[in-house]
Each structure stands twice: as C-alpha cells, then as structure tokens.
Amino acid sequence: MPSIPKIKDGVSVENAHKHSKQWFVLRVSYGRIFKAKEIIDARNIECYAPMRYKQITKHGKKHIITEPLIPSFIFVHLSQEEVDAMLHDKNVNSIESRPLLSYYYDHTSYRQDNPDLNPPLIIPNEVMDNFIKLTSVKNPHIIPVTSQNIQYKLGDHVIVTEGDFEGIQGRVARIAGQQRVIVELFSGCLVATAYIPKEAMEKKNQ
C-alpha cells in the first residue's frame, strides 16, 4: 500500500517537492550527451554532465582530453514541474524514434498517487555535492566502476583528508590492486578516485 503523504503547513510533502528545485537524473539517448547539454545550457538551466580527464599520447607528447564519464546520464537542478515542461518541449524532444532526454526512475520506491509506477530518481543535495566535487578533479585516474569489480576493504566509510581529493566522502575499496575511495551516486552509478594512501583518509562516523 502507498504511504499517506505527510502534511506540512497545509501542503503535502510530495506537492512541496514538485515546486522546489532538486537534482533529477535524466537519461540521454546514446551518443548525444553534448547535444543534450548544449540544449539545456541554452535555457540557462543548472545542469551537470561529468567529464573524464583522459591522458593520451599524441606525436610523442602527453595530452589531457575530456570525454563523458557517464555518457548515458545528465543531471538537472529544477523543480519537477520544470523538468516535466522541458521534457514535453518539442524543441528539446522532437518527434523521433527515441527522445533525447527522459526521466531515470527510482526503482526502489513507488509513486504515492500510483503504486504501480516508480517516481523520477532524485539525488540529495549533499550526495550530489560530493559527486560533483570528486568528478571536477582533473585527474585521469578517476574511473566509473561497477559493483562486480569492487573489493571493499573493510567497507569503511571515510573522508579524504589531504591531496587532490580532500573532502571527498565514500567507501574504501581495492580496484586493480589499488586502494581507492568509491562514491555511489545511486544504485549502479559508482565512481572511484585515484589511489588514496591510508594516511590521507580517516574513518567517518555514521
């Protein structure tokens, strides 16, 4: 059974959320992340498309290039009403076989007005801030990972205390023999820092 909406100042929490800005996850059709960001930026909408800083060698010289870290998703900071309006704007989602942008849904919960449907996935501000802080570091060793290739080392929740990743919070893990800190934005979306020495982190109380 769906839970009963909580009431605050005569307004349900669900309705309050529809009018307040939150971080929504939008799915982007394959290979069109740059087009999606260009369209969203042109509307002066706050959005985030994490980039990966990749080191390549060209003509004997090392260069850092950027490419999408998570090419299937873009994050927008809007109210749900504003996201709905954008997704129904024909200038954003023209009539094609597959829309440029669509909601990514929270498969762990159900809508209060329709228990057969999942609500759009919303990222809490503090989680999004941590993710942006990590993925804004220009380090080619930041990588997306999957739960299958992670070996959690004690699974300790830590905060990085020094270096490029100072202030990042996550879980200690070993990937390819290196100790790193894993940040999970939502189920299935995990990003790893570069190598972090033990002395550059401290355990965080939950």
Protein backbone atom coordinates (compact mmCIF):
# COMPACT_ATOMS: atom_id res chain seq x y z
CA MET A 1 0.00 0.00 0.00
CA PRO A 2 1.28 3.51 -0.75
CA SER A 3 2.21 5.59 2.26
CA ILE A 4 -0.01 8.52 3.23
CA PRO A 5 1.54 11.87 2.15
CA LYS A 6 2.80 13.90 5.11
CA ILE A 7 1.26 17.32 5.60
CA LYS A 8 3.30 20.42 6.40
CA ASP A 9 1.71 23.86 6.66
CA GLY A 10 -1.33 22.53 4.83
CA VAL A 11 0.72 21.28 1.85
CA SER A 12 1.68 17.64 1.23
CA VAL A 13 5.41 16.89 1.14
CA GLU A 14 5.00 15.36 -2.32
CA ASN A 15 3.45 18.56 -3.68
CA ALA A 16 6.10 20.68 -1.98
CA HIS A 17 8.79 18.67 -3.78
CA LYS A 18 7.16 19.29 -7.13
CA HIS A 19 7.69 23.03 -6.68
CA SER A 20 11.19 23.02 -5.16
CA LYS A 21 14.45 22.61 -7.05
CA GLN A 22 16.09 19.22 -6.74
CA TRP A 23 18.70 17.23 -8.62
CA PHE A 24 16.97 14.97 -11.17
CA VAL A 25 18.70 12.25 -13.17
CA LEU A 26 17.85 12.32 -16.87
CA ARG A 27 18.69 9.55 -19.29
CA VAL A 28 20.31 10.72 -22.55
CA SER A 29 19.94 8.79 -25.77
CA TYR A 30 23.14 7.10 -26.93
CA GLY A 31 25.96 9.33 -28.15
CA ARG A 32 24.08 12.62 -27.65
CA ILE A 33 25.32 13.89 -24.29
CA PHE A 34 26.96 17.01 -25.78
CA LYS A 35 23.83 17.89 -27.74
CA ALA A 36 21.73 17.46 -24.59
CA LYS A 37 24.00 19.72 -22.54
CA GLU A 38 24.04 22.36 -25.26
CA ILE A 39 20.23 22.46 -25.36
CA ILE A 40 19.92 22.59 -21.57
CA ASP A 41 22.63 25.27 -21.23
CA ALA A 42 20.86 27.41 -23.85
CA ARG A 43 17.88 27.53 -21.50
CA ASN A 44 20.04 28.74 -18.59
CA ILE A 45 19.22 25.61 -16.63
CA GLU A 46 21.65 24.45 -13.98
CA CYS A 47 22.91 21.07 -15.09
CA TYR A 48 25.90 18.78 -14.65
CA ALA A 49 27.45 16.34 -17.11
CA PRO A 50 30.55 14.81 -15.51
CA MET A 51 33.61 14.61 -17.74
CA ARG A 52 36.52 12.23 -17.61
CA TYR A 53 40.01 13.68 -17.98
CA LYS A 54 41.87 11.09 -20.03
CA GLN A 55 45.60 11.12 -20.71
CA ILE A 56 46.67 10.30 -24.27
CA THR A 57 49.96 10.44 -26.15
CA LYS A 58 49.97 12.22 -29.50
CA HIS A 59 53.10 12.89 -31.56
CA GLY A 60 55.20 11.83 -28.60
CA LYS A 61 53.57 14.34 -26.23
CA LYS A 62 51.13 13.65 -23.42
CA HIS A 63 47.79 15.45 -23.55
CA ILE A 64 44.71 15.51 -21.34
CA ILE A 65 41.42 15.26 -23.21
CA THR A 66 37.88 15.25 -21.88
CA GLU A 67 35.15 12.75 -22.62
CA PRO A 68 31.86 11.92 -20.88
CA LEU A 69 32.41 10.00 -17.66
CA ILE A 70 28.84 8.67 -17.63
CA PRO A 71 27.57 9.12 -21.21
CA SER A 72 24.03 7.90 -20.50
CA PHE A 73 23.07 10.48 -17.85
CA ILE A 74 22.87 14.20 -17.25
CA PHE A 75 21.76 15.90 -14.03
CA VAL A 76 19.50 18.95 -13.83
CA HIS A 77 18.64 21.16 -10.84
CA LEU A 78 14.98 22.06 -11.28
CA SER A 79 11.55 21.54 -9.81
CA GLN A 80 9.67 18.53 -11.11
CA GLU A 81 7.19 20.82 -12.86
CA GLU A 82 10.07 22.50 -14.72
CA VAL A 83 11.57 19.15 -15.72
CA ASP A 84 8.16 17.96 -16.97
CA ALA A 85 7.82 21.13 -19.06
CA MET A 86 11.29 20.71 -20.54
CA LEU A 87 10.74 17.06 -21.45
CA HIS A 88 7.47 17.95 -23.19
CA ASP A 89 9.05 20.84 -25.11
CA LYS A 90 9.15 19.80 -28.77
CA ASN A 91 12.32 21.86 -29.24
CA VAL A 92 14.04 19.58 -26.72
CA ASN A 93 12.43 16.25 -27.51
CA SER A 94 11.48 16.43 -31.16
CA ILE A 95 9.42 13.62 -32.64
CA GLU A 96 11.97 10.86 -33.13
CA SER A 97 12.07 7.14 -32.57
CA ARG A 98 13.82 7.79 -29.24
CA PRO A 99 13.68 11.03 -27.23
CA LEU A 100 16.87 12.91 -26.47
CA LEU A 101 16.03 13.18 -22.77
CA SER A 102 13.83 11.16 -20.45
CA TYR A 103 13.44 10.55 -16.73
CA TYR A 104 15.55 7.93 -14.99
CA TYR A 105 13.26 6.34 -12.42
CA ASP A 106 13.81 5.31 -8.82
CA HIS A 107 13.22 1.56 -8.92
CA THR A 108 13.38 1.26 -5.13
CA SER A 109 10.16 3.19 -4.42
CA TYR A 110 6.68 3.83 -5.80
CA ARG A 111 4.62 6.89 -6.56
CA GLN A 112 2.11 7.83 -3.90
CA ASP A 113 -0.57 8.62 -6.46
CA ASN A 114 0.03 5.40 -8.41
CA PRO A 115 1.68 2.45 -6.62
CA ASP A 116 2.26 0.68 -9.95
CA LEU A 117 4.75 3.33 -11.11
CA ASN A 118 8.20 4.44 -9.94
CA PRO A 119 8.90 8.13 -9.30
CA PRO A 120 11.74 10.03 -11.01
CA LEU A 121 15.06 9.50 -9.25
CA ILE A 122 16.16 12.48 -7.14
CA ILE A 123 19.69 12.89 -5.79
CA PRO A 124 20.03 14.57 -2.35
CA ASN A 125 22.00 17.83 -2.45
CA GLU A 126 24.78 16.60 -0.17
CA VAL A 127 25.28 13.45 -2.27
CA MET A 128 25.33 15.48 -5.48
CA ASP A 129 27.78 17.99 -3.99
CA ASN A 130 30.16 15.14 -3.06
CA PHE A 131 29.86 13.64 -6.56
CA ILE A 132 30.49 16.99 -8.30
CA LYS A 133 33.48 17.65 -6.07
CA LEU A 134 35.01 14.28 -6.99
CA THR A 135 34.34 14.41 -10.72
CA SER A 136 35.54 18.01 -11.04
CA VAL A 137 39.10 16.99 -10.15
CA LYS A 138 41.20 16.90 -13.32
CA ASN A 139 42.73 13.51 -12.69
CA PRO A 140 42.84 10.85 -15.44
CA HIS A 141 42.66 8.05 -12.85
CA ILE A 142 39.08 8.80 -11.80
CA ILE A 143 37.01 5.99 -13.29
CA PRO A 144 33.43 4.71 -13.34
CA VAL A 145 33.17 1.25 -11.79
CA THR A 146 30.60 -1.47 -11.28
CA SER A 147 29.80 -3.33 -8.08
CA GLN A 148 31.13 -6.51 -9.71
CA ASN A 149 34.74 -5.29 -9.91
CA ILE A 150 34.91 -3.75 -6.43
CA GLN A 151 36.55 -5.45 -3.48
CA TYR A 152 35.56 -3.38 -0.48
CA LYS A 153 38.40 -3.16 2.02
CA LEU A 154 36.51 -3.42 5.32
CA GLY A 155 33.89 -1.23 3.65
CA ASP A 156 34.90 1.64 5.90
CA HIS A 157 33.19 4.96 5.25
CA VAL A 158 35.93 7.57 5.13
CA ILE A 159 36.68 11.17 4.30
CA VAL A 160 39.82 12.03 2.36
CA THR A 161 41.90 14.43 4.43
CA GLU A 162 44.60 15.60 2.01
CA GLY A 163 45.60 15.74 -1.65
CA ASP A 164 43.51 16.44 -4.77
CA PHE A 165 40.53 14.56 -3.33
CA GLU A 166 40.46 16.25 0.07
CA GLY A 167 36.93 16.39 1.45
CA ILE A 168 35.56 13.54 -0.68
CA GLN A 169 33.47 11.03 1.27
CA GLY A 170 32.97 7.41 0.29
CA ARG A 171 33.89 3.79 0.98
CA VAL A 172 37.36 2.30 0.90
CA ALA A 173 37.84 -0.33 -1.81
CA ARG A 174 40.55 -2.09 -3.77
CA ILE A 175 40.38 -1.88 -7.57
CA ALA A 176 43.10 -3.43 -9.72
CA GLY A 177 45.25 -3.77 -6.61
CA GLN A 178 44.95 -0.11 -5.63
CA GLN A 179 43.28 1.41 -2.60
CA ARG A 180 40.67 3.94 -3.69
CA VAL A 181 37.56 5.65 -2.38
CA ILE A 182 34.24 4.80 -4.02
CA VAL A 183 31.43 7.33 -4.34
CA GLU A 184 27.99 5.89 -5.15
CA LEU A 185 25.57 8.41 -6.61
CA PHE A 186 22.74 5.89 -7.00
CA SER A 187 22.43 2.15 -7.46
CA GLY A 188 24.66 1.14 -10.36
CA CYS A 189 26.38 4.53 -10.66
CA LEU A 190 29.71 4.39 -8.84
CA VAL A 191 32.90 6.38 -9.41
CA ALA A 192 36.35 5.69 -7.98
CA THR A 193 39.06 8.17 -7.05
CA ALA A 194 42.67 7.66 -7.97
CA TYR A 195 44.89 5.82 -5.47
CA ILE A 196 44.50 7.15 -1.92
CA PRO A 197 47.15 6.24 0.70
CA LYS A 198 45.91 5.13 4.11
CA GLU A 199 47.37 8.18 5.84
CA ALA A 200 45.35 10.52 3.59
CA MET A 201 41.95 9.39 4.89
CA GLU A 202 40.15 8.98 8.17
CA LYS A 203 37.20 6.89 9.19
CA LYS A 204 33.90 8.75 9.22
CA ASN A 205 31.35 8.16 11.93
CA GLN A 206 27.98 7.19 10.55
